Amino acid sequence: MDGIAGRPAATAWPGGIVQVRVPLPFSLKWVNAYLLRDERGYTLVDPGLHTDEAKAAWEAAMAEHRVAFADIHTILLTHQHPDHYGLAGWFQRRTGASVLMSAESHAYARRLWGPDGGAAFAAELAALYARHGMPAEVVATLRPHLDSFVAKVSPQPEVRYIEAGQTVRMAGLDWLAIDAPGHAGGQLCFYAAETKRMICGDQVLPTITPNISVVPGEDHRQLASFLASLRELSAYEVELAFPGHREPFDRFAQRTAELAAHHERRLESIVAMLREEPCTGYRLCLRLFGERIAGDAHHMRFAMSETLAHVYYLEHRGLIGKREAEERISYFV
C-alpha cells in the first residue's frame, strides 16, 4: 500500500503492534498511530488529525490488516495536541470504544475546543505574545489559525481519565503510565517492562526535537519540567521506543541525553544574543528561527512559545533579567 515519503502506510511490528502513518497537512508529513492487538481486539493509540486524507489512510490500513471498526475497544491518547487527538471522537462514534487520556490533557483540549470555541485561550495567547513584542499584524493571524483546527478535532470524544502510575492492558501486556510533562501538560508515556518497550508520544523523538511551549494560564516552567522528565525516562531500560513522529527506534537513553544537550545549546545561544543587546521575546524568536517565520502562523506559534519557554527558564535561574516598558517586556544579561 502506498505510504508517505517513501514509507509504507502501515508496518506490523512483532508483539501485535501495527504502526499506522497518518498523513498531516504540515511539514511533519505524518503522525504515528498504533494498533495493539489482544484477545478482545485492538487498542488504538493516537489516531491522528481529522482530515479526509487521514480517514482514507485509516480505511486503507485497516483493510490491509483486516481490522474492523468493531474490533477497536479502546482509544488511548498520549496527549491532547490535535495531530494526536483529532480523530478520537470520529473513531469513538464508529467503534463505541472508550477514550482514555489524562485529566490535565483533557482540560487543555476543553480550553481550545470547548463551549467558547477557544476564544478565551486565543485572547490570552495574543496578549502574551503582544507583551513580548509581537507586532499587532502578526498577532492578528493567531485567531484564524487556531480556529482552523476546530473541524480537525471534531466531534469531541467522551473521555475517561487515567493517571500516571496506573497500568493499561495492551497487546497482552501491562503498560505503566508515566507522567511526561514539558511538551504537553498531562502527556503520558507507556512502558511495558516485560518487553522493554516504550510508547513515548512526542516526549522523545528519534531525529527531531519536541516543541517545548509556554501555554497561557499554565505553570511557566515547561522546559525545566521537560528536562526533568528526560532524566526520569532515561532510567527505563528500553529496547524499542514507539514515538509520535518518525520511526520506532532503539538507543532511547542516548536520545534523551541528546535532547537535553540540544536545549542547553539553545539556552547558551540566547544568553549570547542578549549579551550583544537586550531583546524582546519576539526579536529573539526571529533570530533563533528566521525572519520568514513571521509569515507562517502555524510555525510562528510554536517558535514563539518555545522561545518564551527558554527565556523563562533562564530568568527563573537568575541568568537573565527583564525590563517592562510601554507594556512590552525585553530581556538582558
Protein backbone atom coordinates (compact mmCIF):
# COMPACT_ATOMS: atom_id res chain seq x y z
CA MET A 1 0.00 0.00 0.00
CA ASP A 2 1.28 3.47 -0.89
CA GLY A 3 2.55 5.46 2.06
CA ILE A 4 4.24 8.76 2.87
CA ALA A 5 7.74 9.92 1.95
CA GLY A 6 8.62 6.52 0.51
CA ARG A 7 7.48 4.60 3.57
CA PRO A 8 4.59 2.12 3.73
CA ALA A 9 1.30 3.41 5.10
CA ALA A 10 1.39 0.77 7.85
CA THR A 11 4.05 -1.50 9.36
CA ALA A 12 3.46 -4.57 11.52
CA TRP A 13 5.92 -4.95 14.42
CA PRO A 14 6.48 -8.11 16.47
CA GLY A 15 4.28 -8.40 19.53
CA GLY A 16 1.00 -7.45 17.89
CA ILE A 17 1.72 -3.76 17.19
CA VAL A 18 0.79 -2.11 13.89
CA GLN A 19 2.26 1.34 13.20
CA VAL A 20 -0.05 3.45 11.00
CA ARG A 21 1.43 6.58 9.41
CA VAL A 22 -1.47 9.05 9.36
CA PRO A 23 -0.91 11.98 6.94
CA LEU A 24 -0.69 15.55 8.22
CA PRO A 25 -1.08 18.81 6.26
CA PHE A 26 2.11 20.14 7.93
CA SER A 27 5.84 19.84 7.39
CA LEU A 28 5.92 16.84 9.76
CA LYS A 29 4.11 14.87 6.96
CA TRP A 30 2.65 12.21 9.25
CA VAL A 31 1.89 11.23 12.83
CA ASN A 32 2.26 7.70 14.11
CA ALA A 33 -0.81 5.90 15.39
CA TYR A 34 -0.57 2.39 16.79
CA LEU A 35 -2.93 -0.57 16.87
CA LEU A 36 -2.14 -3.07 19.65
CA ARG A 37 -3.87 -6.44 19.30
CA ASP A 38 -5.19 -8.56 22.16
CA GLU A 39 -7.75 -11.29 22.65
CA ARG A 40 -10.63 -8.76 22.60
CA GLY A 41 -9.50 -6.84 19.54
CA TYR A 42 -7.41 -3.66 19.42
CA THR A 43 -6.35 -0.65 21.41
CA LEU A 44 -5.81 2.37 19.15
CA VAL A 45 -3.15 4.88 20.30
CA ASP A 46 -3.26 8.49 18.99
CA PRO A 47 -5.47 8.22 15.89
CA GLY A 48 -4.33 11.44 14.20
CA LEU A 49 -5.87 14.66 12.84
CA HIS A 50 -9.44 14.66 11.47
CA THR A 51 -8.97 15.22 7.73
CA ASP A 52 -10.26 13.42 4.66
CA GLU A 53 -6.73 12.25 3.87
CA ALA A 54 -6.33 10.79 7.36
CA LYS A 55 -9.66 8.96 7.20
CA ALA A 56 -8.75 7.50 3.80
CA ALA A 57 -5.38 6.36 5.15
CA TRP A 58 -7.08 4.67 8.10
CA GLU A 59 -9.63 2.87 5.94
CA ALA A 60 -6.86 1.56 3.69
CA ALA A 61 -4.63 0.49 6.59
CA MET A 62 -7.49 -1.24 8.40
CA ALA A 63 -8.47 -3.08 5.23
CA GLU A 64 -4.89 -4.22 4.64
CA HIS A 65 -4.52 -5.53 8.20
CA ARG A 66 -8.09 -6.84 8.38
CA VAL A 67 -9.14 -4.62 11.27
CA ALA A 68 -12.83 -3.70 11.51
CA PHE A 69 -14.12 -0.68 13.39
CA ALA A 70 -15.95 -3.08 15.71
CA ASP A 71 -12.59 -4.66 16.63
CA ILE A 72 -11.36 -1.45 18.33
CA HIS A 73 -12.38 -1.49 22.01
CA THR A 74 -10.13 1.25 23.46
CA ILE A 75 -8.70 4.54 22.18
CA LEU A 76 -5.69 5.74 24.18
CA LEU A 77 -4.36 9.29 23.82
CA THR A 78 -0.82 10.11 24.93
CA HIS A 79 -1.70 13.83 24.89
CA GLN A 80 -4.10 16.45 23.62
CA HIS A 81 -2.36 18.04 20.64
CA PRO A 82 -4.67 17.97 17.61
CA ASP A 83 -2.47 15.74 15.46
CA HIS A 84 -2.87 13.02 18.12
CA TYR A 85 -6.33 13.80 19.49
CA GLY A 86 -8.27 14.94 16.42
CA LEU A 87 -9.84 11.68 15.22
CA ALA A 88 -10.66 10.32 18.68
CA GLY A 89 -14.32 11.39 18.57
CA TRP A 90 -14.74 10.21 14.97
CA PHE A 91 -13.37 6.77 15.89
CA GLN A 92 -15.42 6.62 19.08
CA ARG A 93 -18.66 7.15 17.12
CA ARG A 94 -17.76 4.28 14.78
CA THR A 95 -16.45 1.85 17.37
CA GLY A 96 -18.16 2.63 20.68
CA ALA A 97 -14.67 2.45 22.21
CA SER A 98 -13.69 4.10 25.48
CA VAL A 99 -11.34 7.09 25.05
CA LEU A 100 -8.65 7.31 27.73
CA MET A 101 -6.42 10.31 28.46
CA SER A 102 -5.19 12.27 31.45
CA ALA A 103 -7.43 14.85 33.12
CA GLU A 104 -4.83 17.58 32.54
CA SER A 105 -4.66 16.82 28.82
CA HIS A 106 -8.44 16.85 28.55
CA ALA A 107 -8.68 20.19 30.38
CA TYR A 108 -6.39 21.74 27.76
CA ALA A 109 -8.49 20.30 24.94
CA ARG A 110 -11.59 21.84 26.55
CA ARG A 111 -9.86 25.23 26.72
CA LEU A 112 -9.13 25.14 23.00
CA TRP A 113 -12.23 23.42 21.61
CA GLY A 114 -14.82 23.59 24.37
CA PRO A 115 -18.02 25.65 24.72
CA ASP A 116 -16.44 29.05 23.93
CA GLY A 117 -14.67 27.73 20.85
CA GLY A 118 -11.28 28.65 22.29
CA ALA A 119 -12.00 32.40 22.41
CA ALA A 120 -10.56 32.90 25.90
CA PHE A 121 -7.44 30.90 25.10
CA ALA A 122 -6.84 32.81 21.86
CA ALA A 123 -7.19 36.13 23.68
CA GLU A 124 -4.74 35.04 26.39
CA LEU A 125 -2.22 33.85 23.82
CA ALA A 126 -2.50 37.07 21.81
CA ALA A 127 -1.98 39.18 24.95
CA LEU A 128 1.05 37.09 25.96
CA TYR A 129 2.72 37.44 22.57
CA ALA A 130 1.97 41.17 22.37
CA ARG A 131 3.63 41.76 25.77
CA HIS A 132 6.71 40.01 24.42
CA GLY A 133 6.97 42.27 21.39
CA MET A 134 4.97 40.56 18.64
CA PRO A 135 3.58 43.19 16.22
CA ALA A 136 -0.19 43.57 16.05
CA GLU A 137 -0.37 42.41 12.42
CA VAL A 138 1.33 39.13 13.35
CA VAL A 139 -0.80 38.69 16.48
CA ALA A 140 -3.90 39.10 14.29
CA THR A 141 -3.06 35.89 12.39
CA LEU A 142 -3.33 33.74 15.51
CA ARG A 143 -7.10 33.50 15.97
CA PRO A 144 -7.86 32.36 12.39
CA HIS A 145 -5.05 29.82 12.71
CA LEU A 146 -6.40 28.44 15.99
CA ASP A 147 -9.98 28.39 14.64
CA SER A 148 -8.83 26.31 11.67
CA PHE A 149 -8.29 23.33 13.99
CA VAL A 150 -11.86 23.09 15.27
CA ALA A 151 -13.07 20.94 12.37
CA LYS A 152 -9.92 18.85 12.62
CA VAL A 153 -10.68 17.80 16.21
CA SER A 154 -14.46 17.38 15.90
CA PRO A 155 -16.53 15.64 17.05
CA GLN A 156 -15.20 15.77 20.61
CA PRO A 157 -14.89 12.40 22.36
CA GLU A 158 -16.40 11.34 25.65
CA VAL A 159 -13.36 10.75 27.85
CA ARG A 160 -12.37 8.58 30.81
CA TYR A 161 -9.33 9.65 32.81
CA ILE A 162 -6.16 7.74 33.53
CA GLU A 163 -3.24 8.88 35.66
CA ALA A 164 0.49 8.32 35.88
CA GLY A 165 1.19 5.20 37.92
CA GLN A 166 -1.79 3.28 36.54
CA THR A 167 -1.33 0.38 34.13
CA VAL A 168 -3.15 -0.16 30.85
CA ARG A 169 -3.51 -3.64 29.37
CA MET A 170 -2.48 -3.64 25.68
CA ALA A 171 -1.23 -6.41 23.40
CA GLY A 172 -1.36 -8.87 26.30
CA LEU A 173 0.98 -6.76 28.46
CA ASP A 174 0.68 -4.30 31.32
CA TRP A 175 1.92 -0.85 30.27
CA LEU A 176 2.80 1.60 33.04
CA ALA A 177 1.58 5.17 32.50
CA ILE A 178 4.43 7.65 33.13
CA ASP A 179 3.96 11.40 33.61
CA ALA A 180 5.83 13.15 30.78
CA PRO A 181 5.38 16.94 31.03
CA GLY A 182 7.10 19.69 29.07
CA HIS A 183 5.94 19.09 25.51
CA ALA A 184 2.31 18.86 26.65
CA GLY A 185 0.88 19.17 30.13
CA GLY A 186 -0.61 15.85 31.13
CA GLN A 187 1.19 13.84 28.45
CA LEU A 188 1.70 10.17 29.33
CA CYS A 189 4.25 7.67 28.09
CA PHE A 190 3.57 3.94 28.43
CA TYR A 191 6.21 1.35 29.35
CA ALA A 192 5.96 -2.44 29.10
CA ALA A 193 8.67 -3.79 31.41
CA GLU A 194 8.24 -7.36 30.15
CA THR A 195 9.30 -6.45 26.60
CA LYS A 196 11.22 -3.22 27.40
CA ARG A 197 9.14 -1.18 25.00
CA MET A 198 8.05 2.42 25.40
CA ILE A 199 5.21 4.29 23.69
CA CYS A 200 6.61 7.78 24.12
CA GLY A 201 4.19 10.15 22.37
CA ASP A 202 6.09 13.30 21.46
CA GLN A 203 8.31 13.37 24.53
CA VAL A 204 11.27 11.59 22.94
CA LEU A 205 11.55 11.71 19.15
CA PRO A 206 14.38 9.99 17.26
CA THR A 207 15.50 12.60 14.72
CA ILE A 208 13.66 15.84 15.55
CA THR A 209 13.18 17.80 18.76
CA PRO A 210 9.80 18.04 20.50
CA ASN A 211 8.35 21.52 20.77
CA ILE A 212 8.52 22.92 24.32
CA SER A 213 5.97 25.72 24.59
CA VAL A 214 4.77 28.20 27.15
CA VAL A 215 0.98 27.94 27.49
CA PRO A 216 -1.07 30.86 28.91
CA GLY A 217 -2.56 30.05 32.28
CA GLU A 218 -0.20 27.14 32.99
CA ASP A 219 2.99 26.91 35.02
CA HIS A 220 5.74 28.57 33.01
CA ARG A 221 8.43 26.03 33.88
CA GLN A 222 7.81 23.83 30.86
CA LEU A 223 11.47 23.49 29.92
CA ALA A 224 12.53 22.59 33.46
CA SER A 225 9.74 20.01 33.58
CA PHE A 226 10.78 18.59 30.22
CA LEU A 227 14.45 18.24 31.22
CA ALA A 228 13.45 16.57 34.49
CA SER A 229 11.20 14.19 32.55
CA LEU A 230 14.06 13.26 30.22
CA ARG A 231 16.19 12.35 33.24
CA GLU A 232 13.39 10.17 34.63
CA LEU A 233 12.72 8.45 31.32
CA SER A 234 16.41 7.73 30.73
CA ALA A 235 16.37 5.37 33.73
CA TYR A 236 13.98 2.95 31.98
CA GLU A 237 15.57 0.10 30.09
CA VAL A 238 14.09 0.50 26.61
CA GLU A 239 14.92 -1.79 23.71
CA LEU A 240 12.40 -0.27 21.29
CA ALA A 241 10.54 3.04 21.50
CA PHE A 242 7.41 3.90 19.54
CA PRO A 243 7.31 7.69 19.02
CA GLY A 244 4.60 10.02 17.78
CA HIS A 245 6.71 11.12 14.82
CA ARG A 246 9.37 9.48 12.63
CA GLU A 247 10.20 5.80 13.07
CA PRO A 248 10.43 3.44 16.07
CA PHE A 249 13.97 3.43 17.43
CA ASP A 250 16.40 1.96 19.94
CA ARG A 251 19.13 3.96 21.80
CA PHE A 252 16.37 5.55 23.86
CA ALA A 253 18.53 6.72 26.78
CA GLN A 254 21.10 8.17 24.39
CA ARG A 255 18.38 10.14 22.65
CA THR A 256 17.15 11.65 25.93
CA ALA A 257 20.69 12.93 26.54
CA GLU A 258 20.88 14.36 23.01
CA LEU A 259 17.63 16.25 23.50
CA ALA A 260 18.81 17.72 26.80
CA ALA A 261 22.06 18.82 25.13
CA HIS A 262 20.10 20.48 22.32
CA HIS A 263 18.26 22.67 24.80
CA GLU A 264 21.47 23.53 26.64
CA ARG A 265 22.90 24.80 23.36
CA ARG A 266 19.79 26.86 22.69
CA LEU A 267 19.98 28.41 26.15
CA GLU A 268 23.62 29.32 25.52
CA SER A 269 22.66 30.89 22.18
CA ILE A 270 20.01 33.06 23.82
CA VAL A 271 22.42 34.26 26.50
CA ALA A 272 24.97 35.11 23.80
CA MET A 273 22.36 37.10 21.85
CA LEU A 274 21.35 39.01 24.96
CA ARG A 275 24.97 39.83 25.74
CA GLU A 276 25.04 41.65 22.40
CA GLU A 277 21.85 43.62 23.09
CA PRO A 278 18.58 43.46 25.05
CA CYS A 279 15.77 41.83 23.04
CA THR A 280 12.08 41.17 23.28
CA GLY A 281 10.97 37.56 23.14
CA TYR A 282 9.69 38.17 19.62
CA ARG A 283 13.02 39.51 18.42
CA LEU A 284 14.80 36.53 19.97
CA CYS A 285 12.34 34.23 18.22
CA LEU A 286 13.16 35.72 14.82
CA ARG A 287 16.89 35.49 15.50
CA LEU A 288 16.57 31.84 16.53
CA PHE A 289 14.14 30.64 13.86
CA GLY A 290 14.46 33.12 10.99
CA GLU A 291 12.63 36.27 9.89
CA ARG A 292 10.46 34.41 7.37
CA ILE A 293 8.63 32.60 10.16
CA ALA A 294 6.59 35.78 10.80
CA GLY A 295 4.51 34.95 7.72
CA ASP A 296 3.56 31.45 8.89
CA ALA A 297 1.12 31.45 11.84
CA HIS A 298 1.48 27.71 12.44
CA HIS A 299 5.25 27.71 12.81
CA MET A 300 5.31 31.15 14.43
CA ARG A 301 3.16 29.94 17.32
CA PHE A 302 5.46 27.00 18.01
CA ALA A 303 8.61 29.10 17.65
CA MET A 304 7.39 31.98 19.81
CA SER A 305 6.14 29.75 22.63
CA GLU A 306 9.36 27.73 22.57
CA THR A 307 11.47 30.89 22.71
CA LEU A 308 9.50 32.05 25.75
CA ALA A 309 9.96 28.67 27.44
CA HIS A 310 13.72 29.18 27.19
CA VAL A 311 13.82 32.79 28.35
CA TYR A 312 11.56 31.93 31.31
CA TYR A 313 13.95 29.11 32.21
CA LEU A 314 16.92 31.49 32.15
CA GLU A 315 15.03 34.14 34.10
CA HIS A 316 13.95 31.67 36.81
CA ARG A 317 17.61 30.79 37.31
CA GLY A 318 18.73 34.38 37.53
CA LEU A 319 20.84 34.14 34.37
CA ILE A 320 18.97 36.94 32.60
CA GLY A 321 16.81 39.83 33.71
CA LYS A 322 13.83 41.61 32.20
CA ARG A 323 12.51 45.14 31.87
CA GLU A 324 8.95 46.17 31.06
CA ALA A 325 8.29 49.49 29.32
CA GLU A 326 5.23 50.61 27.35
CA GLU A 327 3.61 47.22 28.11
CA ARG A 328 6.43 45.33 26.40
CA ILE A 329 8.99 43.08 28.03
CA SER A 330 12.63 42.91 26.99
CA TYR A 331 15.37 40.67 28.33
CA PHE A 332 19.03 41.36 29.06
CA VAL A 333 22.09 39.76 30.67
